[in-house]
Amino acid sequence: MKLTRRDLLEILLSAPLAWSCYGCAPPYPKPQIGSLAPLDPALRGILAPAATTRRRSGVPIVDVHAHFFNASDVPVRGFLQDCLGHRQSLVVRQLIKALAKLAERLAANAPTAADELASLRSFMPEVRGAASPVRAVQARAAIERQEAARRVRDVIRGSEFERLYRTLHNASPDRRGPVRTGPLSPDEILGVLNDSEEPSAPGAGRRALAPVSSQSNADAADGLLGFLNYMLSARWMNIQTYMKAFTTGTNAFGVDAVLGSLVDFDHWLAAAPRSAQEDQITLHGRLRELHGGYFRPVVAYNPWTDIVQQGAALARVLTACAQGFVAVKIYPPIGFRPSGNSTIAANTRKPRPNLQQLDRVLETFFDSCAERGLPVIAHTAHSNGRDDAHDDFGGPEGWEALLRRYATAAKSPIVDLGHFGGANETSWTADFADLMRRQPQIQMYGDLGFWDALACGAGSTTECSAARDRLKRVLAVGVGTQTVADRTMFGTDWLMLAQVKRWPDYPANLRAALGMLVDDTTVEKIFGGNAVRCFQGVSS
């Protein structure tokens, strides 16, 4: 039998990949930074956008769901292999598996929080003394961008990922020019980034952003190459990339403020991050000062760490919020429900702590946030769990159990259901809307972070139409004197969104989709007004 080129490609992509040691976990890192001296007042806001391209009047545009961590902040192998590595297409799974094999290289080459803070200390005085601080920041950013591309080259050189990347591009029907072989160069990597990071012009020329499930193989490979670059970049550089695409660039949508959430996967995933949570918090606090009101950090809470540290993790979270962090991020698919872990069955072999202890520390956590009025942002899409069973942990069942505890309480948690059930979930969004309807006194919101099936703009594919119809039905659901539309917020889920090529078009295409469902006043609420109520004062 003669094999076609397509047959050979399928064989190549389905071939098993060897894994290096997954359970060899080094000790958890100790903080390296310590306390910081107060920031020079002349440097406050020096990295903030000089202006926004927003051409609309009214309420500010607030992105309530974004991330700016890098590969030194997470247990890379588990994050790639478990959280991102299942429920994906064959091509994406193989690319992610190939990246997971490079986990140690990724972690070793990403700047740690301590490294980045030292770098900021060295060049911030130069920026302050420059005739044009904006140009000085841009010049430094160009250097950092080149350095990140070189890190990517060094990490993937000769790897399975690099080979797969070349194979997918050379097999693409849209390929122009000769077949390319050999190592990827920094210039090639920067070319992929430049092609993906520029927003398209408004109007008839705006591109419809293909959902993840509809991306070409070559675009999927480009998206993961870009994601890899950001995982090897400094966090302040990732904020700059985000800012140019969404705020200051020629065709930028005009985001006025962004909430950047830390994540904490310690103990749940094998291996350990290189940057301690304490250092990540310290760095994000300094980045908040340098970016003024534009960047608002969100601290991560990990209940397993809280069990191990006997409450010290919660104390750390509350201290961060007292010092300028605007909310707390939790990540149920990593291994826990917000409530009821000891009573709701879970079919998983992944390690978990004592479930009664887990429920107790979560009760204390939610009570503490309720008492202080601290919003909690949670991942509630059916995705990114440690396995298929963990994907269920962010669903309505655990949240219903939690809300029963606060049905008659004087104070209850403020919750943002990140992803609001997910663009491709058939029932969770409606189930969450029903929870809002049944307990309107509890401040429960949902955000549209990474609803890729809405990013088709006016597209009429089956997937996009189904997502629009599903959202339209829930937005009209009554919640006391309001509707679910008064509890829905804009989010991008950057840098996770950066896995999709041409991600800067996401907010404009999302707005186009919402414009087909609700009136302009409601669209403005979703893009900012509701966030100002949920995260009080976030736009000030």
Protein backbone atom coordinates (compact mmCIF):
# COMPACT_ATOMS: atom_id res chain seq x y z
CA MET A 1 0.00 0.00 0.00
CA LYS A 2 1.31 3.41 -0.91
CA LEU A 3 1.14 5.96 1.88
CA THR A 4 0.10 9.48 1.02
CA ARG A 5 1.71 12.57 2.53
CA ARG A 6 -1.36 12.96 4.75
CA ASP A 7 -1.02 9.34 5.97
CA LEU A 8 2.60 9.90 6.85
CA LEU A 9 1.77 13.06 8.78
CA GLU A 10 -0.90 11.27 10.83
CA ILE A 11 1.54 8.46 11.66
CA LEU A 12 4.16 11.00 12.67
CA LEU A 13 1.80 12.91 14.96
CA SER A 14 0.32 9.85 16.62
CA ALA A 15 3.68 8.23 17.41
CA PRO A 16 4.29 7.88 21.16
CA LEU A 17 6.64 10.35 22.79
CA ALA A 18 8.95 9.37 25.61
CA TRP A 19 8.57 11.14 28.93
CA SER A 20 11.38 11.98 31.25
CA CYS A 21 10.97 11.66 35.01
CA TYR A 22 7.67 13.20 36.13
CA GLY A 23 7.78 12.45 39.83
CA CYS A 24 11.24 13.79 40.62
CA ALA A 25 10.18 16.81 42.65
CA PRO A 26 12.79 19.17 44.09
CA PRO A 27 12.08 20.97 47.35
CA TYR A 28 9.75 23.96 47.21
CA PRO A 29 11.75 27.16 46.78
CA LYS A 30 12.42 29.58 49.57
CA PRO A 31 11.75 33.30 49.05
CA GLN A 32 14.74 35.14 47.60
CA ILE A 33 13.54 38.75 47.55
CA GLY A 34 12.68 39.73 51.09
CA SER A 35 11.16 43.11 51.90
CA LEU A 36 11.38 45.96 49.41
CA ALA A 37 12.27 49.56 49.99
CA PRO A 38 9.47 51.99 49.05
CA LEU A 39 9.37 52.78 45.34
CA ASP A 40 10.82 56.12 44.26
CA PRO A 41 7.72 58.33 43.74
CA ALA A 42 9.14 59.41 40.38
CA LEU A 43 8.82 55.82 39.16
CA ARG A 44 5.18 55.32 40.08
CA GLY A 45 3.19 54.61 36.92
CA ILE A 46 6.27 54.86 34.70
CA LEU A 47 5.28 51.68 32.80
CA ALA A 48 1.63 52.68 32.45
CA PRO A 49 0.23 53.38 28.97
CA ALA A 50 0.67 57.01 27.99
CA ALA A 51 -2.71 56.94 26.27
CA THR A 52 -5.37 54.51 25.12
CA THR A 53 -6.63 54.14 21.58
CA ARG A 54 -10.19 53.75 22.81
CA ARG A 55 -12.49 55.88 20.75
CA ARG A 56 -15.64 55.22 22.76
CA SER A 57 -17.03 57.29 25.59
CA GLY A 58 -18.66 56.04 28.74
CA VAL A 59 -17.53 53.46 31.27
CA PRO A 60 -13.95 52.17 31.27
CA ILE A 61 -13.07 48.85 29.66
CA VAL A 62 -11.79 46.40 32.27
CA ASP A 63 -10.32 42.98 31.54
CA VAL A 64 -11.05 41.03 34.72
CA HIS A 65 -9.35 37.78 33.68
CA ALA A 66 -5.71 37.72 32.55
CA HIS A 67 -2.37 36.22 33.61
CA PHE A 68 1.23 37.41 33.30
CA PHE A 69 3.18 34.57 34.93
CA ASN A 70 6.02 32.71 33.23
CA ALA A 71 7.56 29.22 33.32
CA SER A 72 9.44 29.84 36.57
CA ASP A 73 6.15 30.47 38.40
CA VAL A 74 4.46 27.10 37.80
CA PRO A 75 5.38 23.39 37.91
CA VAL A 76 5.95 23.37 34.17
CA ARG A 77 5.79 19.67 33.39
CA GLY A 78 2.53 19.07 35.24
CA PHE A 79 1.04 22.31 33.94
CA LEU A 80 1.72 21.28 30.34
CA GLN A 81 1.28 17.52 30.62
CA ASP A 82 -1.82 17.45 32.84
CA CYS A 83 -3.60 20.79 32.69
CA LEU A 84 -3.08 21.69 29.02
CA GLY A 85 -2.35 18.24 27.63
CA HIS A 86 -5.78 16.61 27.56
CA ARG A 87 -9.03 17.38 25.73
CA GLN A 88 -7.05 18.85 22.84
CA SER A 89 -6.85 17.98 19.17
CA LEU A 90 -4.31 15.34 18.14
CA VAL A 91 -1.93 17.95 16.75
CA VAL A 92 -2.08 20.22 19.80
CA ARG A 93 -1.70 17.27 22.18
CA GLN A 94 1.45 16.15 20.43
CA LEU A 95 2.91 19.66 20.42
CA ILE A 96 2.17 20.07 24.14
CA LYS A 97 3.66 16.65 24.93
CA ALA A 98 6.78 17.66 23.04
CA LEU A 99 6.95 20.87 25.08
CA ALA A 100 6.48 18.95 28.32
CA LYS A 101 9.61 16.98 27.51
CA LEU A 102 11.43 20.33 27.64
CA ALA A 103 9.98 21.27 31.04
CA GLU A 104 13.31 21.48 32.86
CA ARG A 105 14.79 23.67 30.12
CA LEU A 106 11.74 25.92 30.19
CA ALA A 107 11.87 26.39 33.95
CA ALA A 108 15.63 26.94 33.94
CA ASN A 109 15.55 29.61 31.21
CA ALA A 110 12.59 31.69 32.36
CA PRO A 111 13.51 34.71 34.50
CA THR A 112 12.63 34.11 38.14
CA ALA A 113 10.73 36.72 40.11
CA ALA A 114 13.96 37.66 41.91
CA ASP A 115 15.83 37.93 38.57
CA GLU A 116 13.17 40.20 37.16
CA LEU A 117 13.05 42.45 40.18
CA ALA A 118 16.84 42.88 40.02
CA SER A 119 16.56 43.75 36.32
CA LEU A 120 13.85 46.32 37.02
CA ARG A 121 16.00 47.89 39.71
CA SER A 122 18.89 48.25 37.26
CA PHE A 123 17.10 49.91 34.36
CA MET A 124 14.25 51.86 36.01
CA PRO A 125 16.61 54.72 37.04
CA GLU A 126 17.72 54.94 33.38
CA VAL A 127 14.09 55.26 32.33
CA ARG A 128 13.44 57.93 34.94
CA GLY A 129 16.45 59.98 33.77
CA ALA A 130 15.70 59.66 30.05
CA ALA A 131 14.48 62.63 28.02
CA SER A 132 11.60 60.42 26.83
CA PRO A 133 10.74 57.69 29.39
CA VAL A 134 8.30 56.10 26.93
CA ARG A 135 11.02 55.66 24.31
CA ALA A 136 13.45 54.39 26.94
CA VAL A 137 10.96 51.70 27.96
CA GLN A 138 10.39 50.79 24.31
CA ALA A 139 14.13 50.48 23.71
CA ARG A 140 14.55 48.20 26.70
CA ALA A 141 11.51 46.17 25.63
CA ALA A 142 13.07 45.61 22.20
CA ILE A 143 16.19 44.20 23.86
CA GLU A 144 14.12 41.98 26.16
CA ARG A 145 12.11 40.74 23.18
CA GLN A 146 15.25 39.65 21.36
CA GLU A 147 16.50 37.91 24.51
CA ALA A 148 13.25 35.98 24.89
CA ALA A 149 13.39 34.82 21.26
CA ARG A 150 16.94 33.58 21.84
CA ARG A 151 15.76 31.68 24.92
CA VAL A 152 13.06 30.01 22.82
CA ARG A 153 15.63 29.05 20.20
CA ASP A 154 17.94 27.57 22.81
CA VAL A 155 15.20 25.63 24.58
CA ILE A 156 13.68 24.00 21.46
CA ARG A 157 16.87 23.49 19.39
CA GLY A 158 16.94 19.91 18.10
CA SER A 159 13.77 18.99 19.99
CA GLU A 160 10.67 17.03 19.03
CA PHE A 161 8.69 20.28 19.28
CA GLU A 162 10.90 21.99 16.72
CA ARG A 163 10.61 18.99 14.36
CA LEU A 164 6.80 18.89 14.69
CA TYR A 165 6.60 22.64 14.17
CA ARG A 166 8.60 22.38 10.91
CA THR A 167 6.55 19.38 9.73
CA LEU A 168 3.22 21.12 10.29
CA HIS A 169 4.29 24.27 8.49
CA ASN A 170 5.84 22.43 5.59
CA ALA A 171 2.66 20.35 5.19
CA SER A 172 0.35 23.39 5.34
CA PRO A 173 -1.66 24.03 2.16
CA ASP A 174 -1.12 27.76 2.78
CA ARG A 175 2.67 27.48 2.80
CA ARG A 176 4.49 29.99 0.64
CA GLY A 177 8.03 29.50 -0.55
CA PRO A 178 10.29 26.46 -0.28
CA VAL A 179 10.20 23.78 2.41
CA ARG A 180 12.12 25.04 5.44
CA THR A 181 14.42 22.85 7.47
CA GLY A 182 16.93 23.24 10.27
CA PRO A 183 16.71 25.06 13.60
CA LEU A 184 14.29 27.91 14.12
CA SER A 185 16.14 31.20 14.37
CA PRO A 186 15.30 34.10 16.70
CA ASP A 187 14.31 36.16 13.64
CA GLU A 188 11.83 33.47 12.56
CA ILE A 189 10.39 33.34 16.07
CA LEU A 190 10.02 37.13 16.15
CA GLY A 191 8.38 36.97 12.72
CA VAL A 192 5.73 34.60 14.04
CA LEU A 193 5.12 36.91 17.01
CA ASN A 194 4.88 40.01 14.84
CA ASP A 195 2.38 38.31 12.54
CA SER A 196 0.22 37.25 15.47
CA GLU A 197 0.37 40.30 17.76
CA GLU A 198 -0.91 43.06 15.49
CA PRO A 199 -4.68 43.72 15.77
CA SER A 200 -6.48 43.91 12.45
CA ALA A 201 -8.08 47.14 11.26
CA PRO A 202 -11.68 47.79 12.30
CA GLY A 203 -14.54 47.51 9.85
CA ALA A 204 -14.89 45.17 6.91
CA GLY A 205 -11.23 44.17 7.06
CA ARG A 206 -11.36 42.76 10.60
CA ARG A 207 -10.50 39.07 10.77
CA ALA A 208 -12.84 36.52 12.30
CA LEU A 209 -10.83 34.63 14.90
CA ALA A 210 -11.17 30.88 14.38
CA PRO A 211 -12.15 28.87 17.48
CA VAL A 212 -9.39 26.63 18.81
CA SER A 213 -11.15 23.58 17.35
CA SER A 214 -11.11 25.15 13.87
CA GLN A 215 -7.53 26.40 13.73
CA SER A 216 -5.29 25.09 11.00
CA ASN A 217 -2.41 22.89 12.16
CA ALA A 218 0.10 25.55 11.17
CA ASP A 219 -1.77 28.26 13.12
CA ALA A 220 -2.01 25.97 16.16
CA ALA A 221 1.77 25.47 15.99
CA ASP A 222 2.33 29.24 15.71
CA GLY A 223 0.03 29.83 18.67
CA LEU A 224 1.98 27.44 20.87
CA LEU A 225 5.29 28.92 19.72
CA GLY A 226 4.04 32.34 20.78
CA PHE A 227 2.78 30.96 24.09
CA LEU A 228 6.20 29.40 24.66
CA ASN A 229 7.84 32.78 24.04
CA TYR A 230 5.68 34.45 26.70
CA MET A 231 6.41 31.63 29.13
CA LEU A 232 10.11 32.49 28.70
CA SER A 233 9.64 36.27 28.98
CA ALA A 234 9.79 38.65 31.90
CA ARG A 235 6.36 39.39 33.35
CA TRP A 236 6.66 43.13 32.80
CA MET A 237 7.36 42.38 29.15
CA ASN A 238 4.22 40.26 28.92
CA ILE A 239 2.26 43.21 30.29
CA GLN A 240 3.88 45.41 27.64
CA THR A 241 2.90 42.94 24.91
CA TYR A 242 -0.66 42.85 26.21
CA MET A 243 -0.76 46.64 26.50
CA LYS A 244 0.38 47.27 22.94
CA ALA A 245 -2.11 44.79 21.49
CA PHE A 246 -5.12 45.80 23.58
CA THR A 247 -4.51 49.40 24.66
CA THR A 248 -1.91 51.53 22.88
CA GLY A 249 -1.43 49.98 19.43
CA THR A 250 -2.84 51.58 16.28
CA ASN A 251 -5.85 49.24 16.08
CA ALA A 252 -5.99 48.27 19.77
CA PHE A 253 -9.40 47.73 21.31
CA GLY A 254 -8.77 50.16 24.16
CA VAL A 255 -8.58 48.27 27.46
CA ASP A 256 -8.27 50.75 30.36
CA ALA A 257 -7.35 48.34 33.17
CA VAL A 258 -6.42 44.68 33.48
CA LEU A 259 -6.50 42.28 36.41
CA GLY A 260 -3.51 39.91 36.35
CA SER A 261 -4.01 36.71 38.33
CA LEU A 262 -1.26 34.63 39.86
CA VAL A 263 -1.78 30.85 40.00
CA ASP A 264 -0.61 28.42 42.67
CA PHE A 265 -0.39 24.73 41.72
CA ASP A 266 2.07 23.72 44.46
CA HIS A 267 1.59 20.14 45.76
CA TRP A 268 -1.10 19.35 43.20
CA LEU A 269 1.42 18.97 40.36
CA ALA A 270 4.72 17.10 40.39
CA ALA A 271 7.93 19.12 40.63
CA ALA A 272 7.99 22.66 41.98
CA PRO A 273 8.22 26.16 40.51
CA ARG A 274 11.53 28.01 40.70
CA SER A 275 9.92 31.23 41.95
CA ALA A 276 8.39 31.03 45.41
CA GLN A 277 4.85 32.33 45.80
CA GLU A 278 6.14 35.00 48.19
CA ASP A 279 8.50 36.31 45.49
CA GLN A 280 5.76 36.26 42.86
CA ILE A 281 3.54 38.31 45.15
CA THR A 282 6.32 40.80 45.89
CA LEU A 283 7.12 41.25 42.20
CA HIS A 284 3.47 41.68 41.19
CA GLY A 285 3.06 44.27 43.93
CA ARG A 286 5.97 46.24 42.50
CA LEU A 287 4.57 45.86 38.95
CA ARG A 288 1.30 47.31 40.23
CA GLU A 289 3.13 50.42 41.38
CA LEU A 290 5.12 50.75 38.15
CA HIS A 291 1.98 50.44 36.00
CA GLY A 292 -0.21 52.75 38.01
CA GLY A 293 -3.92 51.97 37.81
CA TYR A 294 -3.56 50.02 34.58
CA PHE A 295 -2.36 46.72 36.09
CA ARG A 296 -4.19 45.32 39.11
CA PRO A 297 -2.71 42.10 40.57
CA VAL A 298 -4.76 39.19 41.88
CA VAL A 299 -3.16 36.87 44.45
CA ALA A 300 -3.56 33.07 44.26
CA TYR A 301 -4.90 30.89 47.08
CA ASN A 302 -4.00 27.20 47.33
CA PRO A 303 -5.90 25.18 49.95
CA TRP A 304 -3.40 22.30 49.96
CA THR A 305 -0.58 24.74 50.73
CA ASP A 306 -2.76 26.16 53.50
CA ILE A 307 -3.12 22.69 55.02
CA VAL A 308 0.65 22.09 54.84
CA GLN A 309 1.49 25.55 56.19
CA GLN A 310 -1.26 25.52 58.84
CA GLY A 311 -2.97 28.71 57.73
CA ALA A 312 0.10 30.68 56.66
CA ALA A 313 -0.97 30.59 53.00
CA LEU A 314 -4.28 32.32 53.79
CA ALA A 315 -2.47 34.87 55.94
CA ARG A 316 -0.14 35.62 53.01
CA VAL A 317 -3.14 36.11 50.71
CA LEU A 318 -4.91 38.46 53.11
CA THR A 319 -1.74 40.50 53.59
CA ALA A 320 -1.37 40.88 49.81
CA CYS A 321 -4.95 42.11 49.51
CA ALA A 322 -4.36 44.61 52.28
CA GLN A 323 -1.41 45.94 50.25
CA GLY A 324 -3.14 46.55 46.92
CA PHE A 325 -4.10 43.19 45.37
CA VAL A 326 -7.73 43.50 44.28
CA ALA A 327 -8.95 39.90 44.44
CA VAL A 328 -8.00 36.25 45.03
CA LYS A 329 -7.70 33.55 42.35
CA ILE A 330 -8.54 29.91 42.98
CA TYR A 331 -8.23 27.07 40.50
CA PRO A 332 -10.65 24.22 41.34
CA PRO A 333 -9.75 21.94 38.36
CA ILE A 334 -6.33 21.46 39.91
CA GLY A 335 -8.00 19.16 42.44
CA PHE A 336 -10.78 20.61 44.62
CA ARG A 337 -14.35 21.83 44.60
CA PRO A 338 -15.17 25.09 46.41
CA SER A 339 -17.20 23.03 48.88
CA GLY A 340 -18.31 19.44 49.48
CA ASN A 341 -15.05 17.67 48.67
CA SER A 342 -15.64 15.07 51.39
CA THR A 343 -19.22 14.36 50.29
CA ILE A 344 -19.14 14.54 46.47
CA ALA A 345 -17.56 11.53 44.77
CA ALA A 346 -14.61 12.03 42.38
CA ASN A 347 -13.30 9.30 40.09
CA THR A 348 -9.62 10.16 40.06
CA ARG A 349 -6.35 8.51 41.06
CA LYS A 350 -4.50 11.80 41.35
CA PRO A 351 -3.22 12.60 44.87
CA ARG A 352 -5.36 14.89 47.03
CA PRO A 353 -5.05 15.99 50.67
CA ASN A 354 -7.37 14.84 53.44
CA LEU A 355 -10.79 15.88 52.13
CA GLN A 356 -12.24 16.90 55.51
CA GLN A 357 -9.26 19.19 56.06
CA LEU A 358 -9.65 20.48 52.52
CA ASP A 359 -13.26 21.48 53.17
CA ARG A 360 -12.34 23.13 56.48
CA VAL A 361 -9.62 25.36 55.06
CA LEU A 362 -11.86 26.33 52.14
CA GLU A 363 -14.64 27.29 54.55
CA THR A 364 -12.19 29.51 56.45
CA PHE A 365 -10.95 30.99 53.17
CA PHE A 366 -14.41 31.91 51.87
CA ASP A 367 -15.50 33.24 55.28
CA SER A 368 -12.38 35.43 55.41
CA CYS A 369 -13.00 36.82 51.93
CA ALA A 370 -16.68 37.42 52.70
CA GLU A 371 -15.84 39.27 55.90
CA ARG A 372 -13.41 41.58 54.06
CA GLY A 373 -15.38 41.99 50.83
CA LEU A 374 -12.59 40.39 48.76
CA PRO A 375 -13.74 39.09 45.36
CA VAL A 376 -12.76 35.53 44.48
CA ILE A 377 -12.03 34.65 40.84
CA ALA A 378 -12.37 30.94 40.04
CA HIS A 379 -11.79 28.82 36.94
CA THR A 380 -15.22 27.39 36.06
CA ALA A 381 -14.77 26.03 32.55
CA HIS A 382 -14.74 22.29 31.90
CA SER A 383 -11.03 22.35 31.11
CA ASN A 384 -7.42 22.42 32.35
CA GLY A 385 -7.90 19.88 35.11
CA ARG A 386 -5.27 17.32 36.06
CA ASP A 387 -7.43 14.70 34.30
CA ASP A 388 -10.96 14.38 32.92
CA ALA A 389 -12.44 13.90 36.39
CA HIS A 390 -10.78 17.10 37.63
CA ASP A 391 -12.35 19.08 34.79
CA ASP A 392 -15.65 18.56 36.63
CA PHE A 393 -14.42 20.24 39.81
CA GLY A 394 -15.13 23.78 38.60
CA GLY A 395 -18.76 22.93 37.82
CA PRO A 396 -22.03 24.03 39.46
CA GLU A 397 -22.26 21.14 41.96
CA GLY A 398 -19.49 22.40 44.24
CA TRP A 399 -20.67 26.00 43.95
CA GLU A 400 -24.22 25.07 44.87
CA ALA A 401 -22.86 23.36 47.99
CA LEU A 402 -20.92 26.51 48.86
CA LEU A 403 -23.84 28.88 48.35
CA ARG A 404 -26.05 26.82 50.67
CA ARG A 405 -23.66 27.83 53.48
CA TYR A 406 -24.33 31.51 52.80
CA ALA A 407 -28.05 31.40 52.02
CA THR A 408 -28.94 33.32 55.21
CA ALA A 409 -25.52 34.74 56.15
CA ALA A 410 -25.09 38.45 56.83
CA LYS A 411 -21.99 38.48 54.60
CA SER A 412 -21.28 36.21 51.65
CA PRO A 413 -18.42 35.87 49.18
CA ILE A 414 -18.16 37.97 46.04
CA VAL A 415 -17.43 35.47 43.26
CA ASP A 416 -16.39 35.83 39.62
CA LEU A 417 -17.03 32.55 37.82
CA GLY A 418 -14.09 32.70 35.44
CA HIS A 419 -15.07 31.55 31.92
CA PHE A 420 -18.72 31.39 33.08
CA GLY A 421 -18.96 27.68 32.31
CA GLY A 422 -16.95 27.92 29.08
CA ALA A 423 -17.83 28.67 25.49
CA ASN A 424 -18.27 25.03 24.56
CA GLU A 425 -20.04 23.71 27.64
CA THR A 426 -23.66 22.84 26.94
CA SER A 427 -25.17 23.25 30.43
CA TRP A 428 -22.82 24.88 32.94
CA THR A 429 -23.46 28.49 31.90
CA ALA A 430 -27.21 28.00 32.27
CA ASP A 431 -26.69 26.18 35.59
CA PHE A 432 -24.59 29.05 36.94
CA ALA A 433 -27.19 31.56 35.76
CA ASP A 434 -29.79 29.56 37.68
CA LEU A 435 -27.66 29.76 40.84
CA MET A 436 -27.61 33.54 40.43
CA ARG A 437 -31.37 33.58 39.94
CA ARG A 438 -32.06 31.48 43.03
CA GLN A 439 -29.74 33.45 45.34
CA PRO A 440 -29.68 37.01 43.98
CA GLN A 441 -28.47 38.40 47.31
CA ILE A 442 -25.09 36.72 46.78
CA GLN A 443 -22.80 38.74 44.52
CA MET A 444 -22.01 36.12 41.90
CA TYR A 445 -20.67 37.21 38.51
CA GLY A 446 -19.34 35.42 35.44
CA ASP A 447 -16.66 36.48 32.95
CA LEU A 448 -16.24 35.64 29.27
CA GLY A 449 -12.52 34.91 29.37
CA PHE A 450 -11.41 32.82 26.38
CA TRP A 451 -14.88 32.22 24.95
CA ASP A 452 -13.18 31.42 21.65
CA ALA A 453 -16.45 30.25 20.08
CA LEU A 454 -17.73 33.84 20.38
CA ALA A 455 -14.61 35.31 18.77
CA CYS A 456 -15.94 34.49 15.32
CA GLY A 457 -17.51 37.95 15.30
CA ALA A 458 -20.44 37.77 12.92
CA GLY A 459 -19.39 34.31 11.72
CA SER A 460 -22.15 31.76 11.28
CA THR A 461 -20.39 28.44 11.95
CA THR A 462 -22.35 25.92 13.97
CA GLU A 463 -20.00 26.24 16.96
CA CYS A 464 -20.17 30.04 16.99
CA SER A 465 -23.93 30.17 16.53
CA ALA A 466 -24.44 27.67 19.37
CA ALA A 467 -22.27 29.74 21.72
CA ARG A 468 -24.15 32.94 20.88
CA ASP A 469 -27.53 31.26 21.38
CA ARG A 470 -26.43 29.76 24.70
CA LEU A 471 -25.20 33.11 26.01
CA LYS A 472 -28.25 35.02 24.74
CA ARG A 473 -30.57 32.74 26.71
CA VAL A 474 -28.76 33.25 30.02
CA LEU A 475 -28.20 37.01 29.72
CA ALA A 476 -31.96 37.57 29.97
CA VAL A 477 -32.40 35.46 33.12
CA GLY A 478 -33.68 37.54 36.04
CA VAL A 479 -31.51 37.98 39.13
CA GLY A 480 -33.64 39.87 41.64
CA THR A 481 -34.19 43.32 40.12
CA GLN A 482 -31.34 42.70 37.65
CA THR A 483 -30.53 40.16 34.95
CA VAL A 484 -27.53 37.93 34.33
CA ALA A 485 -26.37 40.61 31.85
CA ASP A 486 -25.75 42.79 34.94
CA ARG A 487 -23.51 40.05 36.34
CA THR A 488 -21.46 39.27 33.20
CA MET A 489 -17.98 40.73 32.61
CA PHE A 490 -15.34 40.95 29.89
CA GLY A 491 -12.17 38.90 30.21
CA THR A 492 -9.51 37.65 27.81
CA ASP A 493 -7.69 34.96 29.83
CA TRP A 494 -4.42 36.22 28.37
CA LEU A 495 -1.78 34.58 28.39
CA MET A 496 -3.78 31.37 27.89
CA LEU A 497 -5.53 33.14 25.00
CA ALA A 498 -2.09 33.63 23.42
CA GLN A 499 -2.21 29.99 22.33
CA VAL A 500 -4.56 31.20 19.57
CA LYS A 501 -2.86 32.91 16.68
CA ARG A 502 -3.96 36.54 16.13
CA TRP A 503 -5.32 36.76 19.65
CA PRO A 504 -5.42 40.61 19.67
CA ASP A 505 -8.70 40.49 17.70
CA TYR A 506 -10.48 38.68 20.53
CA PRO A 507 -12.14 41.67 22.29
CA ALA A 508 -13.35 43.31 19.07
CA ASN A 509 -14.82 40.06 17.81
CA LEU A 510 -16.37 39.38 21.20
CA ARG A 511 -17.95 42.82 21.12
CA ALA A 512 -19.34 42.14 17.66
CA ALA A 513 -20.89 38.90 18.92
CA LEU A 514 -22.39 40.61 21.98
CA GLY A 515 -23.77 43.36 19.73
CA MET A 516 -25.96 40.73 18.10
CA LEU A 517 -27.37 39.68 21.49
CA VAL A 518 -27.91 42.82 23.59
CA ASP A 519 -28.13 46.61 23.24
CA ASP A 520 -25.13 48.95 23.34
CA THR A 521 -25.77 49.99 26.96
CA THR A 522 -25.62 46.38 28.08
CA VAL A 523 -22.48 45.78 26.04
CA GLU A 524 -20.81 48.67 27.90
CA LYS A 525 -21.82 47.14 31.22
CA ILE A 526 -20.26 43.83 30.23
CA PHE A 527 -17.04 45.48 29.09
CA GLY A 528 -16.56 47.57 32.21
CA GLY A 529 -19.53 48.74 34.24
CA ASN A 530 -20.18 45.41 35.90
CA ALA A 531 -16.48 45.00 36.73
CA VAL A 532 -16.46 48.36 38.53
CA ARG A 533 -19.23 47.04 40.78
CA CYS A 534 -17.67 43.62 41.34
CA PHE A 535 -14.13 44.92 41.94
CA GLN A 536 -14.96 48.19 43.62
CA GLY A 537 -12.77 51.08 42.54
CA VAL A 538 -10.80 49.01 40.03
CA SER A 539 -10.98 51.75 37.40
CA SER A 540 -9.85 54.58 39.69
